[in-house]
Amino acid sequence: MSSLFRYSRWASQFKKSPPIFTSFSTATTDAQPNRPSPPPIRVGLTDSVGRAVFATRRIGAGELIHTAKPIVAHPSLPSLHKVCYFCLRKLPSQKPHSEAHKNVAFCSEHCKDQSKNFYEIEKKADWSRFNEYCRLQGLKYPLLVKRFACQVMSGVVSADILDILQPANLTSEMVSMMEKEFCLLRSTFQETDIKGEQMAFLTKEWYTGVLARMRINAFRVELPGGSYEDLLSSAAASIEAEIAVGNAVYMLPSFYNHDCDPNAHILWMENVDARLKTLRNIEAGEELRICYIDASMNYKTRQTVLYEGFGFLCNCPRCLSND
């Protein structure tokens, strides 16, 4: 998700670290039925808004552009015992594959196995105090950082994998709050038998840098309730949606810019795997844009939410007409 700020810094980082496309797919080709075809898009740099996603061919209305698996995901606290602790799939009333002592559950042996490495780290600590702090403060992104830190400690991901993403502009008040969260996170790890070298990356600077990126790049994962209705993503930090089952950070979906009249959208059908689809016909070379917030909001509300949540004022055609 882009901002109009810090373009030159982002561009230099982009040149050093090109985006990774290995976790994205579309339909398979006839020539290679076992291999997914590359997404019909490219990521490029612009003079006005930094990076952007462009169509490499004509894409029809309603077409699946690509799917994406998250780099990191975590259930929301209200959904903690209602969804799979790994893929965020809604669980039946009787929780399968549950971890009784931690009171979390996985929807399948596959998800339990996929989370094994980082969960072995995570379950060493007592997260009740950390979770309660996040609940009382209305925080969700520190939960993602906690999961991400466990993934780094287990060797699942590198500590700098999110560096390519655009960071939010942080106020001194935000940084002060983050320092409190960081101290609580680190002390929780320190109370376990996790070795010091495993935590070497976990500095205040790393924490604030990761959280700054998650603030404007994390998506609220919203699953349809009993139907396959399309749901727009709305990840502004100031909005709390009861229908959200969790939050997740993706690589390629984070490169889509915002428009209050988008030509594409992101949705979730069963779990945390994201699906990017077109809302209308897209011509080759046209930029693909999604709406970061609820597009039904009026002009003033949209501007406020986008500025407070993402750090920019929208100048899309719809906003320029005060619609």
Protein backbone atom coordinates (compact mmCIF):
# COMPACT_ATOMS: atom_id res chain seq x y z
CA MET A 1 0.00 0.00 0.00
CA SER A 2 1.53 3.21 -1.08
CA SER A 3 2.06 6.66 0.31
CA LEU A 4 3.07 9.80 -1.53
CA PHE A 5 5.96 10.21 0.90
CA ARG A 6 9.46 8.77 0.99
CA TYR A 7 9.38 7.75 -2.66
CA SER A 8 13.12 8.10 -3.24
CA ARG A 9 13.94 5.98 -0.19
CA TRP A 10 11.48 3.30 -1.28
CA ALA A 11 12.74 3.35 -4.86
CA SER A 12 16.33 2.73 -3.79
CA GLN A 13 15.19 -0.18 -1.62
CA PHE A 14 13.15 -1.56 -4.52
CA LYS A 15 16.18 -1.57 -6.79
CA LYS A 16 18.19 -3.48 -4.20
CA SER A 17 15.43 -6.00 -3.39
CA PRO A 18 13.11 -6.90 -6.30
CA PRO A 19 9.74 -8.33 -5.28
CA ILE A 20 9.31 -12.07 -4.85
CA PHE A 21 6.64 -13.77 -6.94
CA THR A 22 7.12 -17.39 -5.91
CA SER A 23 4.07 -17.47 -3.62
CA PHE A 24 1.60 -16.16 -6.19
CA SER A 25 -0.32 -18.05 -8.82
CA THR A 26 -3.14 -17.93 -11.34
CA ALA A 27 -4.74 -20.66 -13.42
CA THR A 28 -2.50 -23.34 -14.90
CA THR A 29 -1.63 -23.35 -18.58
CA ASP A 30 -2.55 -26.11 -21.04
CA ALA A 31 1.09 -26.54 -22.04
CA GLN A 32 2.25 -27.00 -18.47
CA PRO A 33 -0.76 -28.27 -16.49
CA ASN A 34 1.22 -28.74 -13.30
CA ARG A 35 2.76 -25.28 -13.35
CA PRO A 36 0.89 -22.09 -12.51
CA SER A 37 1.13 -19.37 -15.13
CA PRO A 38 2.67 -16.08 -14.01
CA PRO A 39 0.27 -13.31 -12.99
CA PRO A 40 -0.71 -11.02 -15.92
CA ILE A 41 0.86 -8.06 -14.15
CA ARG A 42 4.15 -6.31 -13.55
CA VAL A 43 5.38 -4.06 -10.75
CA GLY A 44 6.94 -0.79 -11.90
CA LEU A 45 8.02 2.55 -10.49
CA THR A 46 6.24 5.82 -11.26
CA ASP A 47 7.25 9.44 -10.73
CA SER A 48 4.14 10.30 -8.72
CA VAL A 49 3.24 7.44 -6.37
CA GLY A 50 6.29 5.19 -6.28
CA ARG A 51 5.68 1.58 -7.17
CA ALA A 52 2.51 0.46 -8.92
CA VAL A 53 0.98 -2.69 -10.44
CA PHE A 54 0.23 -2.72 -14.18
CA ALA A 55 -1.58 -5.20 -16.44
CA THR A 56 0.64 -6.94 -19.00
CA ARG A 57 -2.36 -7.96 -21.11
CA ARG A 58 -6.07 -7.32 -21.28
CA ILE A 59 -7.79 -8.73 -18.19
CA GLY A 60 -11.53 -9.32 -18.32
CA ALA A 61 -14.02 -8.18 -15.68
CA GLY A 62 -14.26 -10.65 -12.81
CA GLU A 63 -11.04 -12.45 -13.79
CA LEU A 64 -8.77 -13.83 -11.10
CA ILE A 65 -5.52 -11.89 -11.37
CA HIS A 66 -3.56 -13.94 -8.86
CA THR A 67 -3.70 -15.48 -5.41
CA ALA A 68 -1.27 -14.79 -2.58
CA LYS A 69 -0.23 -16.51 0.61
CA PRO A 70 0.71 -14.27 3.53
CA ILE A 71 4.21 -13.63 4.79
CA VAL A 72 2.71 -13.45 8.27
CA ALA A 73 -0.84 -13.72 9.63
CA HIS A 74 -2.48 -13.77 13.05
CA PRO A 75 -6.07 -14.17 14.27
CA SER A 76 -7.78 -11.19 15.83
CA LEU A 77 -8.16 -11.55 19.60
CA PRO A 78 -11.98 -11.97 19.42
CA SER A 79 -11.46 -14.75 16.83
CA LEU A 80 -8.55 -16.41 18.60
CA HIS A 81 -10.51 -19.54 19.51
CA LYS A 82 -12.90 -19.46 16.56
CA VAL A 83 -10.49 -19.78 13.64
CA CYS A 84 -7.51 -21.89 12.69
CA TYR A 85 -4.41 -20.52 14.40
CA PHE A 86 -2.52 -20.81 11.11
CA CYS A 87 -4.80 -20.27 8.09
CA LEU A 88 -7.64 -18.38 9.86
CA ARG A 89 -10.28 -20.73 8.48
CA LYS A 90 -13.42 -20.64 10.61
CA LEU A 91 -13.61 -23.66 12.91
CA PRO A 92 -16.63 -25.80 13.72
CA SER A 93 -17.93 -25.59 17.27
CA GLN A 94 -15.79 -28.58 18.24
CA LYS A 95 -12.18 -27.50 17.71
CA PRO A 96 -10.05 -30.15 15.96
CA HIS A 97 -6.34 -30.55 16.58
CA SER A 98 -6.50 -28.23 19.59
CA GLU A 99 -3.64 -27.30 21.90
CA ALA A 100 -5.51 -27.45 25.20
CA HIS A 101 -2.85 -25.75 27.31
CA LYS A 102 -2.77 -22.76 24.96
CA ASN A 103 -6.45 -22.92 23.99
CA VAL A 104 -5.80 -22.47 20.27
CA ALA A 105 -6.71 -24.84 17.45
CA PHE A 106 -5.77 -25.80 13.92
CA CYS A 107 -8.27 -26.79 11.25
CA SER A 108 -6.16 -29.68 9.95
CA GLU A 109 -2.99 -31.65 10.46
CA HIS A 110 -1.60 -29.81 7.44
CA CYS A 111 -1.97 -26.41 9.12
CA LYS A 112 -0.61 -27.79 12.36
CA ASP A 113 2.43 -29.09 10.50
CA GLN A 114 2.88 -25.82 8.55
CA SER A 115 2.97 -23.84 11.80
CA LYS A 116 5.12 -26.34 13.68
CA ASN A 117 8.42 -24.45 13.54
CA PHE A 118 7.29 -21.01 14.66
CA TYR A 119 4.65 -22.42 17.02
CA GLU A 120 7.31 -24.41 18.88
CA ILE A 121 8.91 -21.04 19.64
CA GLU A 122 5.66 -19.24 20.36
CA LYS A 123 4.25 -21.74 22.84
CA LYS A 124 7.34 -21.52 25.06
CA ALA A 125 6.12 -18.13 26.28
CA ASP A 126 3.10 -17.06 28.29
CA TRP A 127 1.37 -14.51 26.05
CA SER A 128 -1.54 -13.74 28.36
CA ARG A 129 -0.07 -10.43 29.58
CA PHE A 130 0.92 -9.37 26.05
CA ASN A 131 -2.48 -10.29 24.62
CA GLU A 132 -4.30 -8.51 27.41
CA TYR A 133 -2.26 -5.37 26.84
CA CYS A 134 -3.12 -5.46 23.12
CA ARG A 135 -6.79 -6.01 23.93
CA LEU A 136 -6.99 -3.12 26.38
CA GLN A 137 -5.13 -0.77 24.01
CA GLY A 138 -7.10 -1.92 20.96
CA LEU A 139 -3.91 -3.06 19.18
CA LYS A 140 -3.73 -5.68 16.45
CA TYR A 141 -0.43 -5.19 14.63
CA PRO A 142 1.80 -6.09 17.63
CA LEU A 143 0.24 -9.56 17.42
CA LEU A 144 1.54 -9.79 13.85
CA VAL A 145 5.00 -8.68 15.00
CA LYS A 146 4.96 -11.34 17.73
CA ARG A 147 4.16 -14.04 15.15
CA PHE A 148 6.71 -12.60 12.74
CA ALA A 149 9.42 -12.63 15.44
CA CYS A 150 8.67 -16.31 16.14
CA GLN A 151 8.97 -17.05 12.43
CA VAL A 152 12.35 -15.31 12.30
CA MET A 153 13.61 -17.18 15.38
CA SER A 154 12.56 -20.49 13.85
CA GLY A 155 14.28 -19.70 10.55
CA VAL A 156 11.05 -19.65 8.51
CA VAL A 157 11.67 -16.10 7.24
CA SER A 158 14.50 -13.57 7.36
CA ALA A 159 14.28 -10.60 9.70
CA ASP A 160 14.50 -8.11 6.81
CA ILE A 161 11.97 -9.63 4.41
CA LEU A 162 9.52 -6.75 4.98
CA ASP A 163 12.10 -4.01 4.36
CA ILE A 164 10.94 -3.57 0.76
CA LEU A 165 7.48 -2.45 1.89
CA GLN A 166 6.62 1.21 2.37
CA PRO A 167 6.73 2.25 6.06
CA ALA A 168 4.23 4.55 7.73
CA ASN A 169 5.25 8.00 8.92
CA LEU A 170 5.51 7.71 12.70
CA THR A 171 4.82 10.46 15.19
CA SER A 172 6.77 10.72 18.44
CA GLU A 173 3.64 9.56 20.26
CA MET A 174 3.44 6.45 18.07
CA VAL A 175 7.12 5.66 18.69
CA SER A 176 6.63 6.05 22.43
CA MET A 177 3.71 3.61 22.36
CA MET A 178 5.75 1.17 20.28
CA GLU A 179 8.55 1.25 22.83
CA LYS A 180 6.13 0.04 25.51
CA GLU A 181 4.94 -2.77 23.25
CA PHE A 182 8.51 -3.72 22.37
CA CYS A 183 9.59 -3.94 26.02
CA LEU A 184 6.64 -6.19 26.81
CA LEU A 185 7.32 -8.39 23.78
CA ARG A 186 11.03 -8.77 24.50
CA SER A 187 10.52 -9.41 28.22
CA THR A 188 8.00 -12.13 27.38
CA PHE A 189 10.59 -13.86 25.22
CA GLN A 190 13.30 -13.37 27.84
CA GLU A 191 11.23 -15.25 30.42
CA THR A 192 11.57 -18.40 28.29
CA ASP A 193 14.56 -20.64 27.54
CA ILE A 194 15.03 -19.06 24.12
CA LYS A 195 18.73 -18.38 23.60
CA GLY A 196 20.07 -14.85 23.37
CA GLU A 197 21.48 -15.27 19.86
CA GLN A 198 18.02 -16.20 18.59
CA MET A 199 16.78 -12.83 19.80
CA ALA A 200 19.71 -10.75 18.52
CA PHE A 201 17.59 -9.21 15.74
CA LEU A 202 14.84 -8.20 18.18
CA THR A 203 15.87 -4.60 18.81
CA LYS A 204 13.71 -1.53 19.33
CA GLU A 205 14.72 -0.29 15.87
CA TRP A 206 13.71 -3.58 14.25
CA TYR A 207 10.37 -3.60 16.08
CA THR A 208 9.42 -0.05 15.14
CA GLY A 209 10.54 -0.59 11.53
CA VAL A 210 8.45 -3.75 11.16
CA LEU A 211 5.43 -2.23 12.87
CA ALA A 212 5.67 0.91 10.71
CA ARG A 213 5.40 -1.29 7.62
CA MET A 214 2.59 -3.41 9.02
CA ARG A 215 0.54 -0.32 9.86
CA ILE A 216 -0.01 0.51 6.19
CA ASN A 217 0.53 -2.88 4.53
CA ALA A 218 -1.50 -5.26 6.70
CA PHE A 219 -4.90 -6.37 5.41
CA ARG A 220 -7.86 -7.21 7.58
CA VAL A 221 -8.87 -10.74 6.59
CA GLU A 222 -12.64 -10.82 6.16
CA LEU A 223 -14.34 -14.12 5.41
CA PRO A 224 -17.83 -14.23 3.91
CA GLY A 225 -20.49 -15.44 6.32
CA GLY A 226 -22.16 -18.32 4.56
CA SER A 227 -21.96 -16.83 1.05
CA TYR A 228 -19.26 -15.95 -1.46
CA GLU A 229 -19.95 -12.23 -1.53
CA ASP A 230 -17.02 -10.06 -2.49
CA LEU A 231 -15.50 -8.10 0.38
CA LEU A 232 -13.28 -5.05 -0.01
CA SER A 233 -10.14 -4.81 2.09
CA SER A 234 -10.05 -2.10 4.74
CA ALA A 235 -6.82 -2.01 6.70
CA ALA A 236 -6.78 1.47 8.24
CA ALA A 237 -5.49 1.30 11.79
CA SER A 238 -8.38 3.40 13.10
CA ILE A 239 -11.07 0.99 11.88
CA GLU A 240 -12.05 -2.10 13.85
CA ALA A 241 -14.32 -4.53 12.02
CA GLU A 242 -16.18 -7.22 13.89
CA ILE A 243 -16.29 -9.40 10.78
CA ALA A 244 -12.49 -9.46 10.51
CA VAL A 245 -11.06 -12.81 11.63
CA GLY A 246 -7.47 -11.63 11.62
CA ASN A 247 -4.77 -9.61 9.91
CA ALA A 248 -2.10 -10.55 7.40
CA VAL A 249 0.77 -9.06 5.42
CA TYR A 250 1.35 -10.10 1.81
CA MET A 251 4.08 -9.14 -0.62
CA LEU A 252 2.53 -8.53 -4.04
CA PRO A 253 -0.91 -7.31 -2.81
CA SER A 254 0.93 -4.62 -0.82
CA PHE A 255 2.18 -3.12 -4.10
CA TYR A 256 -1.31 -2.17 -5.28
CA ASN A 257 -2.08 1.53 -4.98
CA HIS A 258 -5.33 2.96 -3.69
CA ASP A 259 -8.32 4.33 -5.58
CA CYS A 260 -11.76 5.20 -4.17
CA ASP A 261 -13.22 3.86 -7.44
CA PRO A 262 -11.02 0.75 -7.81
CA ASN A 263 -10.76 -1.52 -10.82
CA ALA A 264 -9.69 -4.52 -8.73
CA HIS A 265 -10.30 -5.86 -5.24
CA ILE A 266 -9.02 -8.41 -2.76
CA LEU A 267 -11.17 -11.06 -1.14
CA TRP A 268 -10.91 -14.17 0.99
CA MET A 269 -13.10 -17.19 0.37
CA GLU A 270 -12.22 -19.76 3.04
CA ASN A 271 -8.95 -18.85 4.70
CA VAL A 272 -6.10 -16.33 4.76
CA ASP A 273 -5.12 -16.98 1.13
CA ALA A 274 -5.90 -13.75 -0.74
CA ARG A 275 -7.53 -13.56 -4.17
CA LEU A 276 -7.10 -10.47 -6.36
CA LYS A 277 -9.88 -10.06 -8.94
CA THR A 278 -10.84 -7.39 -11.44
CA LEU A 279 -14.01 -5.36 -11.03
CA ARG A 280 -14.13 -4.32 -14.69
CA ASN A 281 -12.18 -4.83 -17.91
CA ILE A 282 -8.52 -3.82 -17.64
CA GLU A 283 -6.49 -2.92 -20.71
CA ALA A 284 -2.81 -3.83 -21.17
CA GLY A 285 -0.60 -1.23 -19.52
CA GLU A 286 -3.38 0.06 -17.25
CA GLU A 287 -2.63 0.37 -13.54
CA LEU A 288 -4.52 -1.95 -11.22
CA ARG A 289 -5.81 -0.29 -8.04
CA ILE A 290 -7.73 -1.47 -5.01
CA CYS A 291 -9.61 0.48 -2.35
CA TYR A 292 -7.87 0.40 1.03
CA ILE A 293 -11.02 1.38 2.90
CA ASP A 294 -14.80 1.10 2.67
CA ALA A 295 -15.57 2.69 -0.70
CA SER A 296 -19.12 3.55 0.42
CA MET A 297 -17.82 6.23 2.84
CA ASN A 298 -18.43 9.84 1.88
CA TYR A 299 -15.63 12.08 0.63
CA LYS A 300 -14.67 13.72 3.93
CA THR A 301 -14.68 10.43 5.85
CA ARG A 302 -12.55 8.72 3.20
CA GLN A 303 -10.01 11.54 3.27
CA THR A 304 -9.80 11.44 7.07
CA VAL A 305 -9.43 7.67 7.27
CA LEU A 306 -6.84 7.52 4.50
CA TYR A 307 -4.76 10.31 6.03
CA GLU A 308 -4.90 8.96 9.59
CA GLY A 309 -4.52 5.32 8.58
CA PHE A 310 -2.14 5.56 5.62
CA GLY A 311 -0.59 9.02 5.67
CA PHE A 312 -1.88 10.48 2.40
CA LEU A 313 -4.75 12.50 0.97
CA CYS A 314 -6.39 10.81 -1.98
CA ASN A 315 -6.41 12.60 -5.35
CA CYS A 316 -8.23 9.96 -7.35
CA PRO A 317 -10.85 11.21 -9.89
CA ARG A 318 -13.68 10.40 -7.50
CA CYS A 319 -12.13 12.48 -4.70
CA LEU A 320 -11.25 15.35 -7.04
CA SER A 321 -14.95 15.58 -7.87
CA ASN A 322 -15.81 15.58 -4.12
CA ASP A 323 -17.98 12.50 -4.63
